[in-house]
């Protein structure tokens, strides 16, 4: 699930996305670069599992990609 914050009217809107989104996690790092949102790492507290993965959301196509090649950024 992805939400868009509209600063003009201070509201959140759900955005329909496709692809392979990241699973539930806390402590992940994210950033926006060019036309994409990147999400790295985090952990699942229930099983003390730490993630070392990278996801990319293409803002234009609203599609998630998993295992992004860092050299393609």
C-alpha atoms as a PDB file:
ATOM      1  CA  UNK A   1       0.000   0.000   0.000  1.00  0.00           C
ATOM      2  CA  UNK A   2       1.271   3.450  -0.834  1.00  0.00           C
ATOM      3  CA  UNK A   3      -0.073   6.831   0.243  1.00  0.00           C
ATOM      4  CA  UNK A   4       0.426  10.240  -1.351  1.00  0.00           C
ATOM      5  CA  UNK A   5       0.451  13.367   0.787  1.00  0.00           C
ATOM      6  CA  UNK A   6      -1.000  16.446  -0.877  1.00  0.00           C
ATOM      7  CA  UNK A   7       0.548  19.486   0.729  1.00  0.00           C
ATOM      8  CA  UNK A   8      -1.991  21.830  -0.925  1.00  0.00           C
ATOM      9  CA  UNK A   9      -4.882  20.539   1.183  1.00  0.00           C
ATOM     10  CA  UNK A  10      -2.969  18.532   3.834  1.00  0.00           C
ATOM     11  CA  UNK A  11      -4.577  15.184   2.968  1.00  0.00           C
ATOM     12  CA  UNK A  12      -3.403  11.610   2.408  1.00  0.00           C
ATOM     13  CA  UNK A  13      -4.637   9.563  -0.572  1.00  0.00           C
ATOM     14  CA  UNK A  14      -4.197   5.837  -1.267  1.00  0.00           C
ATOM     15  CA  UNK A  15      -2.388   5.168  -4.544  1.00  0.00           C
ATOM     16  CA  UNK A  16      -2.901   1.927  -6.482  1.00  0.00           C
ATOM     17  CA  UNK A  17       0.432   0.331  -7.320  1.00  0.00           C
ATOM     18  CA  UNK A  18       1.531  -2.832  -9.129  1.00  0.00           C
ATOM     19  CA  UNK A  19       4.631  -4.999  -9.048  1.00  0.00           C
ATOM     20  CA  UNK A  20       6.527  -6.495  -6.112  1.00  0.00           C
ATOM     21  CA  UNK A  21       6.223  -4.117  -3.112  1.00  0.00           C
ATOM     22  CA  UNK A  22       8.252  -4.461   0.091  1.00  0.00           C
ATOM     23  CA  UNK A  23       6.611  -6.362   2.926  1.00  0.00           C
ATOM     24  CA  UNK A  24       5.755  -4.895   6.333  1.00  0.00           C
ATOM     25  CA  UNK A  25       8.843  -3.610   8.165  1.00  0.00           C
ATOM     26  CA  UNK A  26      10.083  -0.967  10.534  1.00  0.00           C
ATOM     27  CA  UNK A  27      13.306   0.985  10.537  1.00  0.00           C
ATOM     28  CA  UNK A  28      13.624   1.056   6.743  1.00  0.00           C
ATOM     29  CA  UNK A  29      15.346   3.957   5.020  1.00  0.00           C
ATOM     30  CA  UNK A  30      13.728   5.659   2.041  1.00  0.00           C
ATOM     31  CA  UNK A  31      14.460   8.473  -0.344  1.00  0.00           C
ATOM     32  CA  UNK A  32      13.136  10.079  -3.496  1.00  0.00           C
ATOM     33  CA  UNK A  33      15.576  10.379  -6.395  1.00  0.00           C
ATOM     34  CA  UNK A  34      14.570  11.573  -9.850  1.00  0.00           C
ATOM     35  CA  UNK A  35      11.213   9.885 -10.585  1.00  0.00           C
ATOM     36  CA  UNK A  36      11.501   7.030  -8.078  1.00  0.00           C
ATOM     37  CA  UNK A  37      11.103   6.215  -4.401  1.00  0.00           C
ATOM     38  CA  UNK A  38      13.701   3.817  -2.979  1.00  0.00           C
ATOM     39  CA  UNK A  39      13.244   1.727   0.184  1.00  0.00           C
ATOM     40  CA  UNK A  40      16.207  -0.065   1.766  1.00  0.00           C
ATOM     41  CA  UNK A  41      16.432  -2.516   4.649  1.00  0.00           C
ATOM     42  CA  UNK A  42      14.481  -2.442   7.862  1.00  0.00           C
ATOM     43  CA  UNK A  43      13.430  -5.259  10.149  1.00  0.00           C
ATOM     44  CA  UNK A  44      10.512  -7.481  11.123  1.00  0.00           C
ATOM     45  CA  UNK A  45      10.374  -7.225  14.905  1.00  0.00           C
ATOM     46  CA  UNK A  46       8.279 -10.356  15.409  1.00  0.00           C
ATOM     47  CA  UNK A  47      11.093 -12.660  14.289  1.00  0.00           C
ATOM     48  CA  UNK A  48      14.108 -10.343  14.696  1.00  0.00           C
ATOM     49  CA  UNK A  49      14.713 -10.588  10.962  1.00  0.00           C
ATOM     50  CA  UNK A  50      16.775  -7.822   9.396  1.00  0.00           C
ATOM     51  CA  UNK A  51      16.424  -6.987   5.715  1.00  0.00           C
ATOM     52  CA  UNK A  52      19.252  -6.059   3.385  1.00  0.00           C
ATOM     53  CA  UNK A  53      17.164  -5.483   0.281  1.00  0.00           C
ATOM     54  CA  UNK A  54      16.301  -2.605  -2.009  1.00  0.00           C
ATOM     55  CA  UNK A  55      12.971  -1.743  -3.609  1.00  0.00           C
ATOM     56  CA  UNK A  56      12.138   0.922  -6.145  1.00  0.00           C
ATOM     57  CA  UNK A  57       8.761   2.519  -6.838  1.00  0.00           C
ATOM     58  CA  UNK A  58       8.603   4.136 -10.269  1.00  0.00           C
ATOM     59  CA  UNK A  59       6.408   7.172  -9.622  1.00  0.00           C
ATOM     60  CA  UNK A  60       5.314   7.568 -13.258  1.00  0.00           C
ATOM     61  CA  UNK A  61       4.176   3.953 -13.756  1.00  0.00           C
ATOM     62  CA  UNK A  62       3.273   3.303 -10.075  1.00  0.00           C
ATOM     63  CA  UNK A  63       5.104  -0.015 -10.226  1.00  0.00           C
ATOM     64  CA  UNK A  64       7.352  -1.579  -7.559  1.00  0.00           C
ATOM     65  CA  UNK A  65      10.592  -3.381  -8.418  1.00  0.00           C
ATOM     66  CA  UNK A  66      12.589  -5.633  -6.084  1.00  0.00           C
ATOM     67  CA  UNK A  67      16.366  -6.239  -6.167  1.00  0.00           C
ATOM     68  CA  UNK A  68      17.165  -3.004  -7.945  1.00  0.00           C
ATOM     69  CA  UNK A  69      20.675  -2.897  -9.407  1.00  0.00           C
ATOM     70  CA  UNK A  70      22.436  -0.023  -7.624  1.00  0.00           C
ATOM     71  CA  UNK A  71      24.315   0.823 -10.822  1.00  0.00           C
ATOM     72  CA  UNK A  72      21.006   1.582 -12.620  1.00  0.00           C
ATOM     73  CA  UNK A  73      20.030   4.392 -10.241  1.00  0.00           C
END
